[in-house]
Amino acid sequence: MSDTDTVESLSDLKDLTGEAPAPEAPEAPTAPATPSAPLRPQELDGQGRAYATGRRKDAVARVWLKPGSGKVTVNGRDQEVYFARPSLRLVINQPFKIAGREEQYDVVA
């Protein structure tokens, strides 16, 4: 083979070196992840809503989650208006999609 030839597969590499490539090590089974903090019991207000507060520096976000049709409202505006970019709406709705709960809960923030 010349310098301009390329190796097409691992079998070609075996032909070049005269020995077989090292086999890949089998992946060790992963243990199920355990939560780092104990889960709190679900608390709902009188209207059946779950409430959470998020803080960072001086900003405070208050969010209510309730069973509904999947409507997301932020500062009184629908998610299509408040989050103009589709990528931002994807980030907002991703937890519901992963949990298999799309269009089952309304979010008011």
PDB file of N, CA and C in Angstrom:
ATOM      1  N   MET A   1       0.840  -1.184   0.000  1.00  0.00           N
ATOM      2  CA  MET A   1       0.000   0.000   0.000  1.00  0.00           C
ATOM      3  C   MET A   1       0.881   1.243   0.000  1.00  0.00           C
ATOM      4  N   SER A   2       0.428   2.260  -0.651  1.00  0.00           N
ATOM      5  CA  SER A   2       1.176   3.512  -0.684  1.00  0.00           C
ATOM      6  C   SER A   2       0.613   4.474   0.359  1.00  0.00           C
ATOM      7  N   ASP A   3       1.214   5.628   0.477  1.00  0.00           N
ATOM      8  CA  ASP A   3       0.773   6.624   1.451  1.00  0.00           C
ATOM      9  C   ASP A   3      -0.598   7.183   1.133  1.00  0.00           C
ATOM     10  N   THR A   4      -1.017   7.098  -0.118  1.00  0.00           N
ATOM     11  CA  THR A   4      -2.310   7.668  -0.502  1.00  0.00           C
ATOM     12  C   THR A   4      -3.459   6.701  -0.303  1.00  0.00           C
ATOM     13  N   ASP A   5      -3.177   5.431  -0.038  1.00  0.00           N
ATOM     14  CA  ASP A   5      -4.246   4.455   0.199  1.00  0.00           C
ATOM     15  C   ASP A   5      -4.837   4.670   1.582  1.00  0.00           C
ATOM     16  N   THR A   6      -6.096   4.362   1.722  1.00  0.00           N
ATOM     17  CA  THR A   6      -6.756   4.505   3.018  1.00  0.00           C
ATOM     18  C   THR A   6      -7.248   3.157   3.496  1.00  0.00           C
ATOM     19  N   VAL A   7      -7.384   3.040   4.784  1.00  0.00           N
ATOM     20  CA  VAL A   7      -7.919   1.830   5.387  1.00  0.00           C
ATOM     21  C   VAL A   7      -9.429   1.945   5.376  1.00  0.00           C
ATOM     22  N   GLU A   8     -10.118   0.971   4.778  1.00  0.00           N
ATOM     23  CA  GLU A   8     -11.564   1.030   4.638  1.00  0.00           C
ATOM     24  C   GLU A   8     -12.300   0.469   5.852  1.00  0.00           C
ATOM     25  N   SER A   9     -11.723  -0.502   6.530  1.00  0.00           N
ATOM     26  CA  SER A   9     -12.407  -1.097   7.672  1.00  0.00           C
ATOM     27  C   SER A   9     -11.372  -1.665   8.629  1.00  0.00           C
ATOM     28  N   LEU A  10     -11.847  -2.219   9.739  1.00  0.00           N
ATOM     29  CA  LEU A  10     -10.930  -2.819  10.707  1.00  0.00           C
ATOM     30  C   LEU A  10     -10.263  -4.059  10.140  1.00  0.00           C
ATOM     31  N   SER A  11     -10.943  -4.767   9.238  1.00  0.00           N
ATOM     32  CA  SER A  11     -10.320  -5.941   8.631  1.00  0.00           C
ATOM     33  C   SER A  11      -9.129  -5.520   7.771  1.00  0.00           C
ATOM     34  N   ASP A  12      -9.223  -4.354   7.111  1.00  0.00           N
ATOM     35  CA  ASP A  12      -8.083  -3.836   6.362  1.00  0.00           C
ATOM     36  C   ASP A  12      -6.939  -3.504   7.307  1.00  0.00           C
ATOM     37  N   LEU A  13      -7.252  -2.997   8.481  1.00  0.00           N
ATOM     38  CA  LEU A  13      -6.228  -2.687   9.473  1.00  0.00           C
ATOM     39  C   LEU A  13      -5.531  -3.962   9.916  1.00  0.00           C
ATOM     40  N   LYS A  14      -6.295  -5.041  10.064  1.00  0.00           N
ATOM     41  CA  LYS A  14      -5.730  -6.334  10.444  1.00  0.00           C
ATOM     42  C   LYS A  14      -4.738  -6.795   9.385  1.00  0.00           C
ATOM     43  N   ASP A  15      -5.089  -6.599   8.111  1.00  0.00           N
ATOM     44  CA  ASP A  15      -4.195  -6.992   7.033  1.00  0.00           C
ATOM     45  C   ASP A  15      -2.902  -6.183   7.073  1.00  0.00           C
ATOM     46  N   LEU A  16      -2.983  -4.922   7.466  1.00  0.00           N
ATOM     47  CA  LEU A  16      -1.797  -4.073   7.511  1.00  0.00           C
ATOM     48  C   LEU A  16      -0.863  -4.451   8.649  1.00  0.00           C
ATOM     49  N   THR A  17      -1.418  -4.739   9.812  1.00  0.00           N
ATOM     50  CA  THR A  17      -0.587  -5.003  10.987  1.00  0.00           C
ATOM     51  C   THR A  17      -0.291  -6.473  11.177  1.00  0.00           C
ATOM     52  N   GLY A  18      -1.083  -7.351  10.582  1.00  0.00           N
ATOM     53  CA  GLY A  18      -0.879  -8.776  10.750  1.00  0.00           C
ATOM     54  C   GLY A  18      -1.525  -9.312  12.010  1.00  0.00           C
ATOM     55  N   GLU A  19      -2.248  -8.489  12.724  1.00  0.00           N
ATOM     56  CA  GLU A  19      -2.936  -8.943  13.928  1.00  0.00           C
ATOM     57  C   GLU A  19      -4.316  -8.305  13.999  1.00  0.00           C
ATOM     58  N   ALA A  20      -5.163  -8.916  14.769  1.00  0.00           N
ATOM     59  CA  ALA A  20      -6.540  -8.429  14.896  1.00  0.00           C
ATOM     60  C   ALA A  20      -6.582  -7.244  15.858  1.00  0.00           C
ATOM     61  N   PRO A  21      -7.500  -6.299  15.631  1.00  0.00           N
ATOM     62  CA  PRO A  21      -7.653  -5.200  16.588  1.00  0.00           C
ATOM     63  C   PRO A  21      -8.180  -5.715  17.922  1.00  0.00           C
ATOM     64  N   ALA A  22      -7.863  -5.004  18.984  1.00  0.00           N
ATOM     65  CA  ALA A  22      -8.299  -5.409  20.321  1.00  0.00           C
ATOM     66  C   ALA A  22      -9.816  -5.350  20.408  1.00  0.00           C
ATOM     67  N   PRO A  23     -10.428  -6.384  21.010  1.00  0.00           N
ATOM     68  CA  PRO A  23     -11.891  -6.363  21.143  1.00  0.00           C
ATOM     69  C   PRO A  23     -12.316  -5.280  22.131  1.00  0.00           C
ATOM     70  N   GLU A  24     -13.512  -4.741  21.893  1.00  0.00           N
ATOM     71  CA  GLU A  24     -14.036  -3.716  22.788  1.00  0.00           C
ATOM     72  C   GLU A  24     -14.485  -4.356  24.094  1.00  0.00           C
ATOM     73  N   ALA A  25     -14.236  -3.676  25.189  1.00  0.00           N
ATOM     74  CA  ALA A  25     -14.652  -4.174  26.494  1.00  0.00           C
ATOM     75  C   ALA A  25     -16.163  -4.048  26.617  1.00  0.00           C
ATOM     76  N   PRO A  26     -16.822  -5.069  27.170  1.00  0.00           N
ATOM     77  CA  PRO A  26     -18.279  -4.966  27.336  1.00  0.00           C
ATOM     78  C   PRO A  26     -18.616  -3.876  28.347  1.00  0.00           C
ATOM     79  N   GLU A  27     -19.717  -3.194  28.085  1.00  0.00           N
ATOM     80  CA  GLU A  27     -20.141  -2.129  28.989  1.00  0.00           C
ATOM     81  C   GLU A  27     -20.699  -2.722  30.274  1.00  0.00           C
ATOM     82  N   ALA A  28     -20.295  -2.142  31.382  1.00  0.00           N
ATOM     83  CA  ALA A  28     -20.803  -2.589  32.672  1.00  0.00           C
ATOM     84  C   ALA A  28     -22.231  -2.087  32.837  1.00  0.00           C
ATOM     85  N   PRO A  29     -23.113  -2.915  33.386  1.00  0.00           N
ATOM     86  CA  PRO A  29     -24.489  -2.438  33.594  1.00  0.00           C
ATOM     87  C   PRO A  29     -24.495  -1.288  34.592  1.00  0.00           C
ATOM     88  N   THR A  30     -25.288  -0.293  34.302  1.00  0.00           N
ATOM     89  CA  THR A  30     -25.354   0.862  35.185  1.00  0.00           C
ATOM     90  C   THR A  30     -26.430   0.646  36.237  1.00  0.00           C
ATOM     91  N   ALA A  31     -26.125   1.059  37.429  1.00  0.00           N
ATOM     92  CA  ALA A  31     -27.090   0.951  38.516  1.00  0.00           C
ATOM     93  C   ALA A  31     -28.118   2.063  38.374  1.00  0.00           C
ATOM     94  N   PRO A  32     -29.354   1.813  38.767  1.00  0.00           N
ATOM     95  CA  PRO A  32     -30.357   2.878  38.677  1.00  0.00           C
ATOM     96  C   PRO A  32     -29.967   4.048  39.578  1.00  0.00           C
ATOM     97  N   ALA A  33     -30.193   5.242  39.077  1.00  0.00           N
ATOM     98  CA  ALA A  33     -29.840   6.446  39.825  1.00  0.00           C
ATOM     99  C   ALA A  33     -30.782   6.617  41.014  1.00  0.00           C
ATOM    100  N   THR A  34     -30.211   6.973  42.130  1.00  0.00           N
ATOM    101  CA  THR A  34     -31.027   7.230  43.311  1.00  0.00           C
ATOM    102  C   THR A  34     -31.088   8.732  43.524  1.00  0.00           C
ATOM    103  N   PRO A  35     -32.238   9.239  43.916  1.00  0.00           N
ATOM    104  CA  PRO A  35     -32.330  10.684  44.131  1.00  0.00           C
ATOM    105  C   PRO A  35     -31.421  11.111  45.273  1.00  0.00           C
ATOM    106  N   SER A  36     -30.806  12.283  45.123  1.00  0.00           N
ATOM    107  CA  SER A  36     -29.882  12.759  46.146  1.00  0.00           C
ATOM    108  C   SER A  36     -30.622  13.322  47.359  1.00  0.00           C
ATOM    109  N   ALA A  37     -31.844  13.772  47.156  1.00  0.00           N
ATOM    110  CA  ALA A  37     -32.633  14.320  48.253  1.00  0.00           C
ATOM    111  C   ALA A  37     -33.949  13.548  48.338  1.00  0.00           C
ATOM    112  N   PRO A  38     -34.473  13.380  49.533  1.00  0.00           N
ATOM    113  CA  PRO A  38     -35.751  12.671  49.636  1.00  0.00           C
ATOM    114  C   PRO A  38     -36.868  13.462  48.960  1.00  0.00           C
ATOM    115  N   LEU A  39     -37.780  12.752  48.335  1.00  0.00           N
ATOM    116  CA  LEU A  39     -38.896  13.402  47.661  1.00  0.00           C
ATOM    117  C   LEU A  39     -39.911  13.889  48.681  1.00  0.00           C
ATOM    118  N   ARG A  40     -40.423  15.092  48.445  1.00  0.00           N
ATOM    119  CA  ARG A  40     -41.443  15.644  49.328  1.00  0.00           C
ATOM    120  C   ARG A  40     -42.806  15.146  48.881  1.00  0.00           C
ATOM    121  N   PRO A  41     -43.736  15.041  49.805  1.00  0.00           N
ATOM    122  CA  PRO A  41     -45.095  14.681  49.380  1.00  0.00           C
ATOM    123  C   PRO A  41     -45.689  15.800  48.534  1.00  0.00           C
ATOM    124  N   GLN A  42     -46.518  15.425  47.581  1.00  0.00           N
ATOM    125  CA  GLN A  42     -47.127  16.405  46.690  1.00  0.00           C
ATOM    126  C   GLN A  42     -48.096  17.281  47.471  1.00  0.00           C
ATOM    127  N   GLU A  43     -47.931  18.592  47.327  1.00  0.00           N
ATOM    128  CA  GLU A  43     -48.807  19.543  48.004  1.00  0.00           C
ATOM    129  C   GLU A  43     -49.594  20.321  46.958  1.00  0.00           C
ATOM    130  N   LEU A  44     -50.907  20.306  47.056  1.00  0.00           N
ATOM    131  CA  LEU A  44     -51.774  21.042  46.143  1.00  0.00           C
ATOM    132  C   LEU A  44     -52.550  22.087  46.926  1.00  0.00           C
ATOM    133  N   ASP A  45     -52.812  23.231  46.293  1.00  0.00           N
ATOM    134  CA  ASP A  45     -53.603  24.256  46.959  1.00  0.00           C
ATOM    135  C   ASP A  45     -55.091  23.929  46.815  1.00  0.00           C
ATOM    136  N   GLY A  46     -55.938  24.822  47.267  1.00  0.00           N
ATOM    137  CA  GLY A  46     -57.381  24.597  47.236  1.00  0.00           C
ATOM    138  C   GLY A  46     -57.948  24.443  45.836  1.00  0.00           C
ATOM    139  N   GLN A  47     -57.253  24.955  44.817  1.00  0.00           N
ATOM    140  CA  GLN A  47     -57.719  24.844  43.438  1.00  0.00           C
ATOM    141  C   GLN A  47     -57.072  23.685  42.689  1.00  0.00           C
ATOM    142  N   GLY A  48     -56.325  22.835  43.400  1.00  0.00           N
ATOM    143  CA  GLY A  48     -55.698  21.671  42.782  1.00  0.00           C
ATOM    144  C   GLY A  48     -54.423  21.978  42.016  1.00  0.00           C
ATOM    145  N   ARG A  49     -53.754  23.085  42.353  1.00  0.00           N
ATOM    146  CA  ARG A  49     -52.538  23.487  41.654  1.00  0.00           C
ATOM    147  C   ARG A  49     -51.309  23.175  42.498  1.00  0.00           C
ATOM    148  N   ALA A  50     -50.233  22.765  41.831  1.00  0.00           N
ATOM    149  CA  ALA A  50     -48.932  22.638  42.483  1.00  0.00           C
ATOM    150  C   ALA A  50     -48.203  23.962  42.291  1.00  0.00           C
ATOM    151  N   TYR A  51     -47.450  24.388  43.289  1.00  0.00           N
ATOM    152  CA  TYR A  51     -46.792  25.692  43.274  1.00  0.00           C
ATOM    153  C   TYR A  51     -45.301  25.506  43.518  1.00  0.00           C
ATOM    154  N   ALA A  52     -44.484  26.282  42.811  1.00  0.00           N
ATOM    155  CA  ALA A  52     -43.037  26.265  43.033  1.00  0.00           C
ATOM    156  C   ALA A  52     -42.492  27.673  42.840  1.00  0.00           C
ATOM    157  N   THR A  53     -41.408  27.953  43.537  1.00  0.00           N
ATOM    158  CA  THR A  53     -40.727  29.239  43.414  1.00  0.00           C
ATOM    159  C   THR A  53     -39.279  28.978  43.045  1.00  0.00           C
ATOM    160  N   GLY A  54     -38.780  29.703  42.046  1.00  0.00           N
ATOM    161  CA  GLY A  54     -37.375  29.622  41.659  1.00  0.00           C
ATOM    162  C   GLY A  54     -36.736  30.976  41.842  1.00  0.00           C
ATOM    163  N   ARG A  55     -35.510  30.995  42.385  1.00  0.00           N
ATOM    164  CA  ARG A  55     -34.826  32.264  42.631  1.00  0.00           C
ATOM    165  C   ARG A  55     -33.410  32.202  42.087  1.00  0.00           C
ATOM    166  N   ARG A  56     -32.961  33.332  41.544  1.00  0.00           N
ATOM    167  CA  ARG A  56     -31.573  33.492  41.131  1.00  0.00           C
ATOM    168  C   ARG A  56     -31.237  34.974  41.227  1.00  0.00           C
ATOM    169  N   LYS A  57     -30.226  35.276  41.999  1.00  0.00           N
ATOM    170  CA  LYS A  57     -29.845  36.660  42.289  1.00  0.00           C
ATOM    171  C   LYS A  57     -31.065  37.408  42.817  1.00  0.00           C
ATOM    172  N   ASP A  58     -31.515  38.458  42.137  1.00  0.00           N
ATOM    173  CA  ASP A  58     -32.679  39.209  42.610  1.00  0.00           C
ATOM    174  C   ASP A  58     -33.978  38.779  41.935  1.00  0.00           C
ATOM    175  N   ALA A  59     -33.895  37.859  40.980  1.00  0.00           N
ATOM    176  CA  ALA A  59     -35.089  37.440  40.233  1.00  0.00           C
ATOM    177  C   ALA A  59     -35.845  36.352  40.988  1.00  0.00           C
ATOM    178  N   VAL A  60     -37.156  36.407  40.900  1.00  0.00           N
ATOM    179  CA  VAL A  60     -38.021  35.407  41.528  1.00  0.00           C
ATOM    180  C   VAL A  60     -39.042  34.959  40.498  1.00  0.00           C
ATOM    181  N   ALA A  61     -39.166  33.647  40.319  1.00  0.00           N
ATOM    182  CA  ALA A  61     -40.164  33.097  39.399  1.00  0.00           C
ATOM    183  C   ALA A  61     -41.141  32.255  40.207  1.00  0.00           C
ATOM    184  N   ARG A  62     -42.422  32.556  40.071  1.00  0.00           N
ATOM    185  CA  ARG A  62     -43.468  31.777  40.734  1.00  0.00           C
ATOM    186  C   ARG A  62     -44.241  31.036  39.651  1.00  0.00           C
ATOM    187  N   VAL A  63     -44.434  29.734  39.836  1.00  0.00           N
ATOM    188  CA  VAL A  63     -45.060  28.901  38.808  1.00  0.00           C
ATOM    189  C   VAL A  63     -46.129  28.029  39.443  1.00  0.00           C
ATOM    190  N   TRP A  64     -47.288  27.968  38.781  1.00  0.00           N
ATOM    191  CA  TRP A  64     -48.367  27.079  39.186  1.00  0.00           C
ATOM    192  C   TRP A  64     -48.587  26.063  38.082  1.00  0.00           C
ATOM    193  N   LEU A  65     -48.783  24.816  38.463  1.00  0.00           N
ATOM    194  CA  LEU A  65     -49.013  23.716  37.531  1.00  0.00           C
ATOM    195  C   LEU A  65     -50.317  23.056  37.917  1.00  0.00           C
ATOM    196  N   LYS A  66     -51.230  22.892  36.944  1.00  0.00           N
ATOM    197  CA  LYS A  66     -52.518  22.273  37.248  1.00  0.00           C
ATOM    198  C   LYS A  66     -52.944  21.403  36.074  1.00  0.00           C
ATOM    199  N   PRO A  67     -53.751  20.394  36.321  1.00  0.00           N
ATOM    200  CA  PRO A  67     -54.251  19.568  35.217  1.00  0.00           C
ATOM    201  C   PRO A  67     -55.013  20.441  34.227  1.00  0.00           C
ATOM    202  N   GLY A  68     -54.788  20.206  32.942  1.00  0.00           N
ATOM    203  CA  GLY A  68     -55.441  21.028  31.926  1.00  0.00           C
ATOM    204  C   GLY A  68     -55.151  20.529  30.526  1.00  0.00           C
ATOM    205  N   SER A  69     -55.059  21.469  29.594  1.00  0.00           N
ATOM    206  CA  SER A  69     -54.933  21.129  28.176  1.00  0.00           C
ATOM    207  C   SER A  69     -53.536  21.381  27.605  1.00  0.00           C
ATOM    208  N   GLY A  70     -52.569  21.741  28.428  1.00  0.00           N
ATOM    209  CA  GLY A  70     -51.216  21.991  27.948  1.00  0.00           C
ATOM    210  C   GLY A  70     -50.914  23.444  27.657  1.00  0.00           C
ATOM    211  N   LYS A  71     -51.755  24.354  28.111  1.00  0.00           N
ATOM    212  CA  LYS A  71     -51.556  25.782  27.863  1.00  0.00           C
ATOM    213  C   LYS A  71     -50.482  26.322  28.804  1.00  0.00           C
ATOM    214  N   VAL A  72     -49.537  27.081  28.244  1.00  0.00           N
ATOM    215  CA  VAL A  72     -48.474  27.707  29.031  1.00  0.00           C
ATOM    216  C   VAL A  72     -48.661  29.214  28.941  1.00  0.00           C
ATOM    217  N   THR A  73     -48.802  29.870  30.112  1.00  0.00           N
ATOM    218  CA  THR A  73     -48.992  31.313  30.177  1.00  0.00           C
ATOM    219  C   THR A  73     -47.882  31.917  31.026  1.00  0.00           C
ATOM    220  N   VAL A  74     -47.170  32.903  30.467  1.00  0.00           N
ATOM    221  CA  VAL A  74     -46.087  33.578  31.182  1.00  0.00           C
ATOM    222  C   VAL A  74     -46.388  35.069  31.172  1.00  0.00           C
ATOM    223  N   ASN A  75     -46.477  35.657  32.356  1.00  0.00           N
ATOM    224  CA  ASN A  75     -46.787  37.085  32.506  1.00  0.00           C
ATOM    225  C   ASN A  75     -48.049  37.467  31.735  1.00  0.00           C
ATOM    226  N   GLY A  76     -49.052  36.604  31.756  1.00  0.00           N
ATOM    227  CA  GLY A  76     -50.324  36.882  31.110  1.00  0.00           C
ATOM    228  C   GLY A  76     -50.339  36.683  29.606  1.00  0.00           C
ATOM    229  N   ARG A  77     -49.225  36.230  29.024  1.00  0.00           N
ATOM    230  CA  ARG A  77     -49.162  36.022  27.575  1.00  0.00           C
ATOM    231  C   ARG A  77     -48.985  34.542  27.260  1.00  0.00           C
ATOM    232  N   ASP A  78     -49.549  34.106  26.136  1.00  0.00           N
ATOM    233  CA  ASP A  78     -49.430  32.723  25.694  1.00  0.00           C
ATOM    234  C   ASP A  78     -47.973  32.426  25.327  1.00  0.00           C
ATOM    235  N   GLN A  79     -47.585  31.142  25.379  1.00  0.00           N
ATOM    236  CA  GLN A  79     -46.188  30.795  25.126  1.00  0.00           C
ATOM    237  C   GLN A  79     -45.720  31.165  23.715  1.00  0.00           C
ATOM    238  N   GLU A  80     -46.609  31.137  22.708  1.00  0.00           N
ATOM    239  CA  GLU A  80     -46.212  31.510  21.352  1.00  0.00           C
ATOM    240  C   GLU A  80     -45.848  32.995  21.263  1.00  0.00           C
ATOM    241  N   VAL A  81     -46.466  33.811  22.106  1.00  0.00           N
ATOM    242  CA  VAL A  81     -46.175  35.244  22.112  1.00  0.00           C
ATOM    243  C   VAL A  81     -44.945  35.529  22.970  1.00  0.00           C
ATOM    244  N   TYR A  82     -44.892  34.949  24.168  1.00  0.00           N
ATOM    245  CA  TYR A  82     -43.800  35.240  25.092  1.00  0.00           C
ATOM    246  C   TYR A  82     -42.485  34.628  24.614  1.00  0.00           C
ATOM    247  N   PHE A  83     -42.536  33.373  24.140  1.00  0.00           N
ATOM    248  CA  PHE A  83     -41.350  32.688  23.623  1.00  0.00           C
ATOM    249  C   PHE A  83     -41.460  32.641  22.104  1.00  0.00           C
ATOM    250  N   ALA A  84     -40.973  33.675  21.439  1.00  0.00           N
ATOM    251  CA  ALA A  84     -41.125  33.793  19.988  1.00  0.00           C
ATOM    252  C   ALA A  84     -40.316  32.737  19.236  1.00  0.00           C
ATOM    253  N   ARG A  85     -39.196  32.330  19.777  1.00  0.00           N
ATOM    254  CA  ARG A  85     -38.357  31.333  19.097  1.00  0.00           C
ATOM    255  C   ARG A  85     -38.857  29.927  19.405  1.00  0.00           C
ATOM    256  N   PRO A  86     -38.957  29.086  18.379  1.00  0.00           N
ATOM    257  CA  PRO A  86     -39.401  27.699  18.603  1.00  0.00           C
ATOM    258  C   PRO A  86     -38.475  26.927  19.539  1.00  0.00           C
ATOM    259  N   SER A  87     -37.181  27.250  19.535  1.00  0.00           N
ATOM    260  CA  SER A  87     -36.249  26.537  20.407  1.00  0.00           C
ATOM    261  C   SER A  87     -36.561  26.804  21.880  1.00  0.00           C
ATOM    262  N   LEU A  88     -37.026  28.003  22.201  1.00  0.00           N
ATOM    263  CA  LEU A  88     -37.387  28.308  23.588  1.00  0.00           C
ATOM    264  C   LEU A  88     -38.642  27.548  24.004  1.00  0.00           C
ATOM    265  N   ARG A  89     -39.610  27.439  23.099  1.00  0.00           N
ATOM    266  CA  ARG A  89     -40.821  26.666  23.400  1.00  0.00           C
ATOM    267  C   ARG A  89     -40.481  25.188  23.566  1.00  0.00           C
ATOM    268  N   LEU A  90     -39.499  24.709  22.802  1.00  0.00           N
ATOM    269  CA  LEU A  90     -39.063  23.324  22.936  1.00  0.00           C
ATOM    270  C   LEU A  90     -38.501  23.073  24.330  1.00  0.00           C
ATOM    271  N   VAL A  91     -37.692  24.002  24.831  1.00  0.00           N
ATOM    272  CA  VAL A  91     -37.106  23.865  26.167  1.00  0.00           C
ATOM    273  C   VAL A  91     -38.200  23.856  27.231  1.00  0.00           C
ATOM    274  N   ILE A  92     -39.214  24.707  27.075  1.00  0.00           N
ATOM    275  CA  ILE A  92     -40.300  24.783  28.046  1.00  0.00           C
ATOM    276  C   ILE A  92     -41.106  23.486  28.066  1.00  0.00           C
ATOM    277  N   ASN A  93     -41.370  22.918  26.903  1.00  0.00           N
ATOM    278  CA  ASN A  93     -42.244  21.746  26.814  1.00  0.00           C
ATOM    279  C   ASN A  93     -41.511  20.415  26.918  1.00  0.00           C
ATOM    280  N   GLN A  94     -40.182  20.419  26.892  1.00  0.00           N
ATOM    281  CA  GLN A  94     -39.412  19.186  26.909  1.00  0.00           C
ATOM    282  C   GLN A  94     -39.671  18.304  28.140  1.00  0.00           C
ATOM    283  N   PRO A  95     -39.751  18.826  29.358  1.00  0.00           N
ATOM    284  CA  PRO A  95     -40.025  17.947  30.501  1.00  0.00           C
ATOM    285  C   PRO A  95     -41.352  17.204  30.374  1.00  0.00           C
ATOM    286  N   PHE A  96     -42.365  17.863  29.825  1.00  0.00           N
ATOM    287  CA  PHE A  96     -43.657  17.205  29.651  1.00  0.00           C
ATOM    288  C   PHE A  96     -43.563  16.105  28.596  1.00  0.00           C
ATOM    289  N   LYS A  97     -42.802  16.355  27.532  1.00  0.00           N
ATOM    290  CA  LYS A  97     -42.652  15.361  26.469  1.00  0.00           C
ATOM    291  C   LYS A  97     -41.902  14.140  26.986  1.00  0.00           C
ATOM    292  N   ILE A  98     -40.836  14.364  27.731  1.00  0.00           N
ATOM    293  CA  ILE A  98     -40.046  13.256  28.266  1.00  0.00           C
ATOM    294  C   ILE A  98     -40.869  12.419  29.234  1.00  0.00           C
ATOM    295  N   ALA A  99     -41.695  13.083  30.042  1.00  0.00           N
ATOM    296  CA  ALA A  99     -42.526  12.375  31.020  1.00  0.00           C
ATOM    297  C   ALA A  99     -43.770  11.761  30.392  1.00  0.00           C
ATOM    298  N   GLY A 100     -44.005  12.024  29.105  1.00  0.00           N
ATOM    299  CA  GLY A 100     -45.204  11.501  28.452  1.00  0.00           C
ATOM    300  C   GLY A 100     -46.469  12.195  28.920  1.00  0.00           C
ATOM    301  N   ARG A 101     -46.363  13.466  29.289  1.00  0.00           N
ATOM    302  CA  ARG A 101     -47.496  14.229  29.829  1.00  0.00           C
ATOM    303  C   ARG A 101     -47.832  15.449  28.983  1.00  0.00           C
ATOM    304  N   GLU A 102     -47.559  15.392  27.677  1.00  0.00           N
ATOM    305  CA  GLU A 102     -47.861  16.524  26.805  1.00  0.00           C
ATOM    306  C   GLU A 102     -49.356  16.806  26.805  1.00  0.00           C
ATOM    307  N   GLU A 103     -49.699  18.078  26.820  1.00  0.00           N
ATOM    308  CA  GLU A 103     -51.080  18.551  26.767  1.00  0.00           C
ATOM    309  C   GLU A 103     -51.950  17.980  27.888  1.00  0.00           C
ATOM    310  N   GLN A 104     -51.330  17.754  29.058  1.00  0.00           N
ATOM    311  CA  GLN A 104     -52.086  17.272  30.213  1.00  0.00           C
ATOM    312  C   GLN A 104     -52.082  18.269  31.369  1.00  0.00           C
ATOM    313  N   TYR A 105     -51.173  19.240  31.336  1.00  0.00           N
ATOM    314  CA  TYR A 105     -51.062  20.199  32.433  1.00  0.00           C
ATOM    315  C   TYR A 105     -50.964  21.616  31.884  1.00  0.00           C
ATOM    316  N   ASP A 106     -51.578  22.555  32.585  1.00  0.00           N
ATOM    317  CA  ASP A 106     -51.450  23.975  32.280  1.00  0.00           C
ATOM    318  C   ASP A 106     -50.385  24.563  33.202  1.00  0.00           C
ATOM    319  N   VAL A 107     -49.596  25.487  32.673  1.00  0.00           N
ATOM    320  CA  VAL A 107     -48.548  26.151  33.442  1.00  0.00           C
ATOM    321  C   VAL A 107     -48.840  27.642  33.434  1.00  0.00           C
ATOM    322  N   VAL A 108     -48.845  28.245  34.622  1.00  0.00           N
ATOM    323  CA  VAL A 108     -49.038  29.686  34.752  1.00  0.00           C
ATOM    324  C   VAL A 108     -47.847  30.227  35.527  1.00  0.00           C
ATOM    325  N   ALA A 109     -47.139  31.179  34.915  1.00  0.00           N
ATOM    326  CA  ALA A 109     -45.968  31.759  35.573  1.00  0.00           C
ATOM    327  C   ALA A 109     -46.058  33.274  35.518  1.00  0.00           C
TER     328      ALA A 109
END
